[in-house]
């Protein structure tokens, strides 16, 4: 009888160790995934995209400037409301903050993106998110448009807005990026 209790206790200890190790691995994996998510306080995902003018732009930028990455589409009503404000603010902060206007080309077309950018007078890079394998909008987990990420000169995400941003809030976020 004593041998059975020792055997049972040994089995329980071994099972407990196995369960603990599996839970620990899963927790470590979830923590690692959470650190990789594009969220405030973490590094912005790196990418390279071609623009409407054929140039390739990368994140992080070569000049280590703060960057505003704005995801949009030509058919998006809130994007149309926000576009004139982005143009106005870019003129004010040009040289200090870069804007990458990332068109969701998989849901749009380069022609429609160009027409939209031309109609609003975009002078900042318009990038085409049309890679069939990995789209930048997926890396940034864009679920609504417009979605805008504010990234400091060190490549850290300092703010994110999903949806339309009113002019005053947008202006404040640009100002805060320069601090």
C-alpha atoms as a PDB file:
ATOM      1  CA  UNK A   1       0.000   0.000   0.000  1.00  0.00           C
ATOM      2  CA  UNK A   2       2.849   2.369   0.850  1.00  0.00           C
ATOM      3  CA  UNK A   3       4.449   1.710  -2.576  1.00  0.00           C
ATOM      4  CA  UNK A   4       1.180   2.662  -4.301  1.00  0.00           C
ATOM      5  CA  UNK A   5       1.056   5.990  -2.464  1.00  0.00           C
ATOM      6  CA  UNK A   6       4.672   6.735  -3.385  1.00  0.00           C
ATOM      7  CA  UNK A   7       3.977   5.794  -6.984  1.00  0.00           C
ATOM      8  CA  UNK A   8       0.825   7.949  -7.063  1.00  0.00           C
ATOM      9  CA  UNK A   9       2.641  10.904  -5.492  1.00  0.00           C
ATOM     10  CA  UNK A  10       5.487  10.543  -8.011  1.00  0.00           C
ATOM     11  CA  UNK A  11       3.041  10.496 -10.926  1.00  0.00           C
ATOM     12  CA  UNK A  12       1.267  13.608  -9.585  1.00  0.00           C
ATOM     13  CA  UNK A  13       4.579  15.457  -9.231  1.00  0.00           C
ATOM     14  CA  UNK A  14       5.611  14.559 -12.784  1.00  0.00           C
ATOM     15  CA  UNK A  15       2.224  15.560 -14.216  1.00  0.00           C
ATOM     16  CA  UNK A  16       2.359  18.858 -12.287  1.00  0.00           C
ATOM     17  CA  UNK A  17       5.813  19.623 -13.678  1.00  0.00           C
ATOM     18  CA  UNK A  18       4.695  18.893 -17.251  1.00  0.00           C
ATOM     19  CA  UNK A  19       1.570  21.067 -16.903  1.00  0.00           C
ATOM     20  CA  UNK A  20       3.598  23.914 -15.373  1.00  0.00           C
ATOM     21  CA  UNK A  21       6.192  23.812 -18.170  1.00  0.00           C
ATOM     22  CA  UNK A  22       3.518  23.823 -20.881  1.00  0.00           C
ATOM     23  CA  UNK A  23       1.717  26.751 -19.267  1.00  0.00           C
ATOM     24  CA  UNK A  24       5.004  28.604 -18.891  1.00  0.00           C
ATOM     25  CA  UNK A  25       5.878  28.097 -22.585  1.00  0.00           C
ATOM     26  CA  UNK A  26       2.426  29.281 -23.648  1.00  0.00           C
ATOM     27  CA  UNK A  27       2.661  32.362 -21.422  1.00  0.00           C
ATOM     28  CA  UNK A  28       6.111  33.170 -22.839  1.00  0.00           C
ATOM     29  CA  UNK A  29       4.782  32.756 -26.384  1.00  0.00           C
ATOM     30  CA  UNK A  30       1.792  35.022 -25.699  1.00  0.00           C
ATOM     31  CA  UNK A  31       4.042  37.634 -24.085  1.00  0.00           C
ATOM     32  CA  UNK A  32       6.349  37.561 -27.098  1.00  0.00           C
ATOM     33  CA  UNK A  33       3.398  37.952 -29.491  1.00  0.00           C
ATOM     34  CA  UNK A  34       2.044  40.860 -27.427  1.00  0.00           C
ATOM     35  CA  UNK A  35       5.417  42.621 -27.655  1.00  0.00           C
ATOM     36  CA  UNK A  36       5.390  42.236 -31.418  1.00  0.00           C
ATOM     37  CA  UNK A  37       1.957  43.785 -31.862  1.00  0.00           C
ATOM     38  CA  UNK A  38       1.905  47.264 -33.313  1.00  0.00           C
ATOM     39  CA  UNK A  39       0.931  49.189 -30.211  1.00  0.00           C
ATOM     40  CA  UNK A  40       1.893  52.278 -28.280  1.00  0.00           C
ATOM     41  CA  UNK A  41       5.283  51.978 -26.603  1.00  0.00           C
ATOM     42  CA  UNK A  42       6.623  49.337 -28.994  1.00  0.00           C
ATOM     43  CA  UNK A  43       8.670  49.480 -32.186  1.00  0.00           C
ATOM     44  CA  UNK A  44       6.728  50.082 -35.366  1.00  0.00           C
ATOM     45  CA  UNK A  45       6.846  47.156 -37.785  1.00  0.00           C
ATOM     46  CA  UNK A  46       9.422  47.604 -40.537  1.00  0.00           C
ATOM     47  CA  UNK A  47       8.322  47.741 -44.158  1.00  0.00           C
ATOM     48  CA  UNK A  48       9.293  48.802 -47.664  1.00  0.00           C
ATOM     49  CA  UNK A  49       6.639  49.961 -50.109  1.00  0.00           C
ATOM     50  CA  UNK A  50       6.686  51.514 -53.531  1.00  0.00           C
ATOM     51  CA  UNK A  51       5.052  54.905 -53.979  1.00  0.00           C
ATOM     52  CA  UNK A  52       2.926  56.221 -56.811  1.00  0.00           C
ATOM     53  CA  UNK A  53       6.027  57.907 -58.241  1.00  0.00           C
ATOM     54  CA  UNK A  54       7.960  54.612 -58.287  1.00  0.00           C
ATOM     55  CA  UNK A  55      10.277  55.327 -55.344  1.00  0.00           C
ATOM     56  CA  UNK A  56      10.625  52.862 -52.489  1.00  0.00           C
ATOM     57  CA  UNK A  57      10.058  54.102 -48.945  1.00  0.00           C
ATOM     58  CA  UNK A  58      11.023  52.204 -45.820  1.00  0.00           C
ATOM     59  CA  UNK A  59      10.148  52.191 -42.192  1.00  0.00           C
ATOM     60  CA  UNK A  60      12.171  53.110 -40.240  1.00  0.00           C
ATOM     61  CA  UNK A  61      13.138  56.120 -42.317  1.00  0.00           C
ATOM     62  CA  UNK A  62      16.749  56.712 -43.312  1.00  0.00           C
ATOM     63  CA  UNK A  63      16.766  60.161 -41.685  1.00  0.00           C
ATOM     64  CA  UNK A  64      15.222  59.026 -38.370  1.00  0.00           C
ATOM     65  CA  UNK A  65      12.418  61.584 -38.533  1.00  0.00           C
ATOM     66  CA  UNK A  66       9.106  61.072 -36.786  1.00  0.00           C
ATOM     67  CA  UNK A  67       6.608  59.483 -39.164  1.00  0.00           C
ATOM     68  CA  UNK A  68       2.844  59.509 -39.389  1.00  0.00           C
ATOM     69  CA  UNK A  69       1.621  56.379 -41.179  1.00  0.00           C
ATOM     70  CA  UNK A  70      -1.932  56.895 -42.412  1.00  0.00           C
ATOM     71  CA  UNK A  71      -3.834  53.933 -43.888  1.00  0.00           C
ATOM     72  CA  UNK A  72      -6.635  54.921 -46.278  1.00  0.00           C
ATOM     73  CA  UNK A  73      -8.583  54.076 -49.438  1.00  0.00           C
ATOM     74  CA  UNK A  74     -10.077  56.308 -52.124  1.00  0.00           C
ATOM     75  CA  UNK A  75     -13.636  55.058 -51.480  1.00  0.00           C
ATOM     76  CA  UNK A  76     -13.469  55.815 -47.732  1.00  0.00           C
ATOM     77  CA  UNK A  77     -15.690  58.746 -46.675  1.00  0.00           C
ATOM     78  CA  UNK A  78     -13.817  59.551 -43.427  1.00  0.00           C
ATOM     79  CA  UNK A  79     -10.541  59.413 -45.387  1.00  0.00           C
ATOM     80  CA  UNK A  80     -11.930  62.153 -47.662  1.00  0.00           C
ATOM     81  CA  UNK A  81     -12.715  64.281 -44.606  1.00  0.00           C
ATOM     82  CA  UNK A  82      -9.254  63.780 -43.120  1.00  0.00           C
ATOM     83  CA  UNK A  83      -7.221  64.237 -46.344  1.00  0.00           C
ATOM     84  CA  UNK A  84      -7.347  68.071 -46.502  1.00  0.00           C
ATOM     85  CA  UNK A  85      -6.218  68.274 -42.876  1.00  0.00           C
ATOM     86  CA  UNK A  86      -3.257  65.972 -43.521  1.00  0.00           C
ATOM     87  CA  UNK A  87      -2.234  68.171 -46.450  1.00  0.00           C
ATOM     88  CA  UNK A  88      -2.514  71.348 -44.360  1.00  0.00           C
ATOM     89  CA  UNK A  89      -0.592  69.914 -41.410  1.00  0.00           C
ATOM     90  CA  UNK A  90       2.082  68.402 -43.649  1.00  0.00           C
ATOM     91  CA  UNK A  91       2.778  71.830 -45.141  1.00  0.00           C
ATOM     92  CA  UNK A  92       3.190  73.203 -41.627  1.00  0.00           C
ATOM     93  CA  UNK A  93       5.446  70.402 -40.305  1.00  0.00           C
ATOM     94  CA  UNK A  94       7.211  69.391 -43.532  1.00  0.00           C
ATOM     95  CA  UNK A  95      10.885  68.767 -42.846  1.00  0.00           C
ATOM     96  CA  UNK A  96      10.208  67.843 -39.210  1.00  0.00           C
ATOM     97  CA  UNK A  97       7.646  65.054 -39.601  1.00  0.00           C
ATOM     98  CA  UNK A  98       7.108  62.728 -42.554  1.00  0.00           C
ATOM     99  CA  UNK A  99       3.739  61.350 -43.640  1.00  0.00           C
ATOM    100  CA  UNK A 100       3.425  58.008 -45.361  1.00  0.00           C
ATOM    101  CA  UNK A 101      -0.073  57.747 -46.849  1.00  0.00           C
ATOM    102  CA  UNK A 102      -0.484  53.996 -47.273  1.00  0.00           C
ATOM    103  CA  UNK A 103      -3.230  53.160 -49.746  1.00  0.00           C
ATOM    104  CA  UNK A 104      -4.970  49.837 -49.188  1.00  0.00           C
ATOM    105  CA  UNK A 105      -4.373  48.931 -52.804  1.00  0.00           C
ATOM    106  CA  UNK A 106      -5.719  45.401 -52.378  1.00  0.00           C
ATOM    107  CA  UNK A 107      -9.113  47.062 -51.822  1.00  0.00           C
ATOM    108  CA  UNK A 108      -8.483  49.972 -54.179  1.00  0.00           C
ATOM    109  CA  UNK A 109      -6.461  50.506 -57.342  1.00  0.00           C
ATOM    110  CA  UNK A 110      -3.349  52.532 -58.114  1.00  0.00           C
ATOM    111  CA  UNK A 111      -5.399  54.665 -60.520  1.00  0.00           C
ATOM    112  CA  UNK A 112      -8.016  55.485 -57.903  1.00  0.00           C
ATOM    113  CA  UNK A 113      -5.274  56.153 -55.329  1.00  0.00           C
ATOM    114  CA  UNK A 114      -3.552  58.568 -57.732  1.00  0.00           C
ATOM    115  CA  UNK A 115      -6.793  60.367 -58.546  1.00  0.00           C
ATOM    116  CA  UNK A 116      -7.559  60.740 -54.827  1.00  0.00           C
ATOM    117  CA  UNK A 117      -4.032  61.991 -54.002  1.00  0.00           C
ATOM    118  CA  UNK A 118      -4.086  64.435 -56.916  1.00  0.00           C
ATOM    119  CA  UNK A 119      -7.535  65.777 -56.057  1.00  0.00           C
ATOM    120  CA  UNK A 120      -6.443  66.602 -52.499  1.00  0.00           C
ATOM    121  CA  UNK A 121      -2.955  67.806 -53.462  1.00  0.00           C
ATOM    122  CA  UNK A 122      -0.909  65.225 -51.559  1.00  0.00           C
ATOM    123  CA  UNK A 123       2.748  66.262 -51.593  1.00  0.00           C
ATOM    124  CA  UNK A 124       3.814  63.512 -49.197  1.00  0.00           C
ATOM    125  CA  UNK A 125       4.567  59.948 -50.334  1.00  0.00           C
ATOM    126  CA  UNK A 126       1.565  57.842 -51.333  1.00  0.00           C
ATOM    127  CA  UNK A 127       2.552  54.213 -50.801  1.00  0.00           C
ATOM    128  CA  UNK A 128       0.827  51.251 -52.418  1.00  0.00           C
ATOM    129  CA  UNK A 129       0.107  48.356 -50.064  1.00  0.00           C
ATOM    130  CA  UNK A 130      -0.264  45.754 -52.795  1.00  0.00           C
ATOM    131  CA  UNK A 131       2.133  42.968 -51.801  1.00  0.00           C
ATOM    132  CA  UNK A 132       0.287  39.696 -52.255  1.00  0.00           C
ATOM    133  CA  UNK A 133       2.299  37.885 -49.540  1.00  0.00           C
ATOM    134  CA  UNK A 134       2.437  40.279 -46.572  1.00  0.00           C
ATOM    135  CA  UNK A 135       0.526  43.513 -46.570  1.00  0.00           C
ATOM    136  CA  UNK A 136       1.688  46.347 -44.363  1.00  0.00           C
ATOM    137  CA  UNK A 137      -1.899  46.929 -43.276  1.00  0.00           C
ATOM    138  CA  UNK A 138      -1.837  43.381 -41.870  1.00  0.00           C
ATOM    139  CA  UNK A 139       1.464  44.024 -40.054  1.00  0.00           C
ATOM    140  CA  UNK A 140      -0.125  47.099 -38.487  1.00  0.00           C
ATOM    141  CA  UNK A 141      -3.386  45.236 -37.872  1.00  0.00           C
ATOM    142  CA  UNK A 142      -5.526  47.838 -39.593  1.00  0.00           C
ATOM    143  CA  UNK A 143      -9.184  47.009 -39.043  1.00  0.00           C
ATOM    144  CA  UNK A 144     -10.788  50.370 -39.798  1.00  0.00           C
ATOM    145  CA  UNK A 145      -9.819  53.178 -42.112  1.00  0.00           C
ATOM    146  CA  UNK A 146      -8.486  55.657 -41.789  1.00  0.00           C
ATOM    147  CA  UNK A 147      -6.069  54.345 -39.184  1.00  0.00           C
ATOM    148  CA  UNK A 148      -3.124  56.525 -38.274  1.00  0.00           C
ATOM    149  CA  UNK A 149       0.043  55.614 -36.375  1.00  0.00           C
ATOM    150  CA  UNK A 150       2.282  58.298 -34.871  1.00  0.00           C
ATOM    151  CA  UNK A 151       5.872  57.046 -34.695  1.00  0.00           C
ATOM    152  CA  UNK A 152       8.703  58.957 -33.026  1.00  0.00           C
ATOM    153  CA  UNK A 153      12.214  59.423 -34.423  1.00  0.00           C
ATOM    154  CA  UNK A 154      13.356  56.262 -32.590  1.00  0.00           C
ATOM    155  CA  UNK A 155      10.755  54.139 -34.386  1.00  0.00           C
ATOM    156  CA  UNK A 156       8.471  53.756 -31.352  1.00  0.00           C
ATOM    157  CA  UNK A 157       4.723  54.014 -31.742  1.00  0.00           C
ATOM    158  CA  UNK A 158       3.626  56.878 -29.520  1.00  0.00           C
ATOM    159  CA  UNK A 159      -0.030  57.025 -30.549  1.00  0.00           C
ATOM    160  CA  UNK A 160      -2.632  55.399 -32.763  1.00  0.00           C
ATOM    161  CA  UNK A 161      -6.026  56.548 -33.971  1.00  0.00           C
ATOM    162  CA  UNK A 162      -8.508  54.227 -35.664  1.00  0.00           C
ATOM    163  CA  UNK A 163     -11.054  56.281 -37.571  1.00  0.00           C
ATOM    164  CA  UNK A 164     -11.350  59.934 -38.479  1.00  0.00           C
ATOM    165  CA  UNK A 165      -9.220  62.393 -36.495  1.00  0.00           C
ATOM    166  CA  UNK A 166     -10.556  65.921 -36.067  1.00  0.00           C
ATOM    167  CA  UNK A 167      -8.212  68.796 -37.091  1.00  0.00           C
ATOM    168  CA  UNK A 168      -7.386  69.942 -33.536  1.00  0.00           C
ATOM    169  CA  UNK A 169      -6.478  66.452 -32.353  1.00  0.00           C
ATOM    170  CA  UNK A 170      -4.432  65.785 -35.487  1.00  0.00           C
ATOM    171  CA  UNK A 171      -2.520  69.046 -35.014  1.00  0.00           C
ATOM    172  CA  UNK A 172      -1.796  68.212 -31.354  1.00  0.00           C
ATOM    173  CA  UNK A 173      -0.519  64.746 -32.246  1.00  0.00           C
ATOM    174  CA  UNK A 174       1.858  66.223 -34.856  1.00  0.00           C
ATOM    175  CA  UNK A 175       3.122  68.753 -32.302  1.00  0.00           C
ATOM    176  CA  UNK A 176       3.641  66.022 -29.712  1.00  0.00           C
ATOM    177  CA  UNK A 177       5.729  63.985 -32.165  1.00  0.00           C
ATOM    178  CA  UNK A 178       8.366  66.729 -32.235  1.00  0.00           C
ATOM    179  CA  UNK A 179       8.963  66.707 -28.482  1.00  0.00           C
END
